[in-house]
């Protein structure tokens, strides 16, 4: 009888040890303005136009003990583009450029999280922009995680990447240097 109990206890302990650790789910904190999607693009080969997207939503899952299980989904409202120049923003929203009436949203859905150690990783996924879906890689860096002063738990990451606009069907010609847009991402999530 004792032997059966010992085997049952061992089997139960083994089952718990073999159960994969579940990643924690987070909502990206856009309400508290603790996340941003910023961009810069070449202007005439002499400087950059910089700006941001003011409206986006997203979620991510992350577990430090099992980073490969991480997942990210983000949706950007393209009409929220803001380069701090109203007339330019109206033009960029038009069908000359982003055509936000036709392509109201851009969407990123991750497919893999390659942990490089020391808080660094390559976040791989599919970006849909202007009706075209292409795989991209975003090098990311974990900033930190922990309790916040309001009883919640937060985790934060940064990331940078470059997109070749013609890959997404952009046919406007601003010169070869302006075919690449550089994205700078700051993401802070609140655990659900």
Protein backbone atom coordinates (compact mmCIF):
# COMPACT_ATOMS: atom_id res chain seq x y z
CA UNK A 1 0.00 0.00 0.00
CA UNK A 2 2.81 2.40 0.93
CA UNK A 3 4.60 1.50 -2.31
CA UNK A 4 1.47 2.37 -4.35
CA UNK A 5 1.16 5.72 -2.54
CA UNK A 6 4.83 6.49 -3.17
CA UNK A 7 4.45 5.71 -6.90
CA UNK A 8 1.25 7.78 -7.08
CA UNK A 9 3.01 10.70 -5.41
CA UNK A 10 5.99 10.38 -7.75
CA UNK A 11 3.70 10.20 -10.79
CA UNK A 12 1.83 13.31 -9.64
CA UNK A 13 5.07 15.23 -9.01
CA UNK A 14 6.40 14.19 -12.43
CA UNK A 15 3.18 15.34 -14.11
CA UNK A 16 3.44 18.77 -12.47
CA UNK A 17 7.13 19.07 -13.37
CA UNK A 18 6.38 18.19 -17.00
CA UNK A 19 3.55 20.72 -17.27
CA UNK A 20 4.80 23.66 -19.34
CA UNK A 21 4.94 27.02 -17.60
CA UNK A 22 2.29 29.30 -19.05
CA UNK A 23 3.34 32.71 -20.27
CA UNK A 24 1.70 35.68 -18.57
CA UNK A 25 -0.64 37.78 -20.73
CA UNK A 26 -0.24 41.56 -20.93
CA UNK A 27 -2.19 44.45 -22.46
CA UNK A 28 -0.01 47.14 -23.99
CA UNK A 29 -0.47 50.32 -21.93
CA UNK A 30 -1.55 52.84 -24.56
CA UNK A 31 -4.16 54.35 -22.19
CA UNK A 32 -1.47 55.56 -19.81
CA UNK A 33 0.80 56.59 -22.70
CA UNK A 34 3.48 54.10 -21.66
CA UNK A 35 3.99 52.74 -25.15
CA UNK A 36 4.87 54.31 -28.48
CA UNK A 37 5.44 53.49 -32.14
CA UNK A 38 7.81 56.08 -33.57
CA UNK A 39 9.25 56.38 -37.06
CA UNK A 40 11.75 58.30 -39.13
CA UNK A 41 12.20 58.47 -42.89
CA UNK A 42 14.79 60.21 -45.01
CA UNK A 43 13.96 63.71 -46.27
CA UNK A 44 15.82 64.76 -49.42
CA UNK A 45 18.98 63.01 -48.27
CA UNK A 46 19.74 65.79 -45.81
CA UNK A 47 17.66 64.97 -42.73
CA UNK A 48 14.71 62.94 -41.47
CA UNK A 49 10.98 63.41 -41.02
CA UNK A 50 10.13 61.95 -37.63
CA UNK A 51 6.78 61.09 -36.12
CA UNK A 52 4.63 58.53 -34.41
CA UNK A 53 1.35 56.66 -34.59
CA UNK A 54 -0.93 57.96 -31.86
CA UNK A 55 -3.51 55.13 -31.89
CA UNK A 56 -2.70 51.46 -31.57
CA UNK A 57 -3.67 48.51 -29.41
CA UNK A 58 -1.99 45.26 -28.61
CA UNK A 59 -1.29 42.35 -26.33
CA UNK A 60 1.66 40.14 -25.62
CA UNK A 61 2.47 36.99 -23.65
CA UNK A 62 5.82 36.58 -21.95
CA UNK A 63 7.45 34.21 -19.49
CA UNK A 64 11.09 34.77 -18.59
CA UNK A 65 11.52 31.03 -17.95
CA UNK A 66 10.12 30.11 -21.36
CA UNK A 67 10.70 33.08 -23.70
CA UNK A 68 10.16 30.94 -26.81
CA UNK A 69 6.44 30.83 -25.89
CA UNK A 70 6.16 34.63 -26.22
CA UNK A 71 3.52 36.06 -28.55
CA UNK A 72 2.69 39.58 -29.70
CA UNK A 73 -0.23 41.13 -31.61
CA UNK A 74 -0.48 44.84 -32.43
CA UNK A 75 -2.98 46.80 -34.53
CA UNK A 76 -2.13 50.35 -35.64
CA UNK A 77 -4.70 52.93 -36.80
CA UNK A 78 -2.92 54.36 -39.83
CA UNK A 79 -4.89 57.63 -39.80
CA UNK A 80 -3.27 58.40 -36.43
CA UNK A 81 0.08 59.16 -38.11
CA UNK A 82 1.53 62.32 -36.57
CA UNK A 83 4.65 64.03 -37.90
CA UNK A 84 3.89 67.29 -36.10
CA UNK A 85 2.79 68.95 -39.35
CA UNK A 86 -0.95 68.80 -40.10
CA UNK A 87 -0.76 69.51 -43.83
CA UNK A 88 1.96 66.89 -44.38
CA UNK A 89 0.00 64.35 -42.31
CA UNK A 90 -3.14 64.92 -44.43
CA UNK A 91 -1.07 64.32 -47.56
CA UNK A 92 0.58 61.17 -46.15
CA UNK A 93 -2.89 59.81 -45.23
CA UNK A 94 -4.13 60.37 -48.81
CA UNK A 95 -4.04 57.84 -51.64
CA UNK A 96 -0.76 59.45 -52.78
CA UNK A 97 0.91 57.63 -49.88
CA UNK A 98 -0.69 55.44 -47.16
CA UNK A 99 -4.29 55.56 -48.49
CA UNK A 100 -5.73 55.20 -44.99
CA UNK A 101 -9.33 55.07 -46.26
CA UNK A 102 -8.49 51.87 -48.09
CA UNK A 103 -5.91 50.54 -45.61
CA UNK A 104 -7.17 51.75 -42.25
CA UNK A 105 -5.03 49.45 -40.14
CA UNK A 106 -1.62 47.85 -40.06
CA UNK A 107 -1.26 44.64 -38.09
CA UNK A 108 1.67 42.69 -36.66
CA UNK A 109 1.29 39.09 -35.47
CA UNK A 110 4.35 37.31 -34.12
CA UNK A 111 5.40 33.87 -35.30
CA UNK A 112 8.51 33.26 -33.16
CA UNK A 113 10.57 34.74 -30.34
CA UNK A 114 14.24 33.84 -30.63
CA UNK A 115 15.91 34.37 -27.25
CA UNK A 116 19.50 35.61 -27.66
CA UNK A 117 20.23 35.84 -23.93
CA UNK A 118 20.85 38.85 -21.70
CA UNK A 119 17.31 40.16 -22.36
CA UNK A 120 17.85 40.35 -26.12
CA UNK A 121 15.75 38.55 -28.71
CA UNK A 122 14.63 38.54 -32.32
CA UNK A 123 10.86 38.89 -32.56
CA UNK A 124 9.70 37.39 -35.84
CA UNK A 125 6.28 37.88 -37.32
CA UNK A 126 4.04 38.96 -40.16
CA UNK A 127 3.32 42.63 -40.77
CA UNK A 128 0.32 43.61 -42.87
CA UNK A 129 0.73 47.13 -44.25
CA UNK A 130 -1.14 48.66 -47.19
CA UNK A 131 -2.81 45.32 -47.89
CA UNK A 132 0.50 43.42 -48.20
CA UNK A 133 1.68 40.88 -45.62
CA UNK A 134 5.40 40.28 -45.27
CA UNK A 135 7.61 38.58 -42.66
CA UNK A 136 9.76 40.94 -40.60
CA UNK A 137 12.24 40.62 -37.73
CA UNK A 138 12.35 43.09 -34.84
CA UNK A 139 15.44 42.98 -32.61
CA UNK A 140 14.08 43.56 -29.09
CA UNK A 141 15.54 44.24 -25.66
CA UNK A 142 13.75 43.53 -22.41
CA UNK A 143 13.86 46.64 -20.21
CA UNK A 144 12.42 45.07 -17.08
CA UNK A 145 9.39 43.77 -15.22
CA UNK A 146 7.90 44.10 -11.77
CA UNK A 147 5.16 45.41 -9.52
CA UNK A 148 3.80 48.90 -10.13
CA UNK A 149 2.63 51.31 -7.38
CA UNK A 150 -1.06 50.55 -8.11
CA UNK A 151 -0.98 46.81 -7.40
CA UNK A 152 -0.40 45.68 -10.96
CA UNK A 153 2.49 43.94 -12.63
CA UNK A 154 4.26 45.31 -15.72
CA UNK A 155 6.85 44.24 -18.28
CA UNK A 156 8.59 46.44 -20.80
CA UNK A 157 10.55 46.03 -24.03
CA UNK A 158 12.09 48.18 -26.74
CA UNK A 159 12.64 47.29 -30.36
CA UNK A 160 13.91 48.77 -33.60
CA UNK A 161 13.54 47.68 -37.19
CA UNK A 162 13.67 49.00 -40.73
CA UNK A 163 10.97 48.40 -43.35
CA UNK A 164 11.49 48.58 -47.09
CA UNK A 165 8.30 50.33 -48.22
CA UNK A 166 8.26 48.91 -51.79
CA UNK A 167 8.01 45.43 -50.21
CA UNK A 168 4.57 46.50 -49.00
CA UNK A 169 3.43 47.86 -52.35
CA UNK A 170 4.34 51.49 -51.74
CA UNK A 171 4.79 52.96 -55.21
CA UNK A 172 5.41 56.60 -54.29
CA UNK A 173 8.83 57.87 -55.27
CA UNK A 174 10.60 60.05 -52.75
CA UNK A 175 14.05 58.87 -53.82
CA UNK A 176 15.90 55.66 -52.96
CA UNK A 177 16.85 56.79 -49.44
CA UNK A 178 13.18 57.35 -48.59
CA UNK A 179 12.22 53.76 -49.42
CA UNK A 180 13.22 52.72 -45.90
CA UNK A 181 11.26 53.69 -42.81
CA UNK A 182 12.89 53.14 -39.43
CA UNK A 183 10.67 52.14 -36.51
CA UNK A 184 11.48 52.65 -32.85
CA UNK A 185 9.13 50.76 -30.52
CA UNK A 186 8.64 51.20 -26.79
CA UNK A 187 6.22 48.71 -25.23
CA UNK A 188 5.04 48.52 -21.64
CA UNK A 189 2.39 45.96 -20.80
CA UNK A 190 0.13 45.50 -17.80
CA UNK A 191 -0.43 41.88 -16.80
CA UNK A 192 -4.06 40.80 -17.10
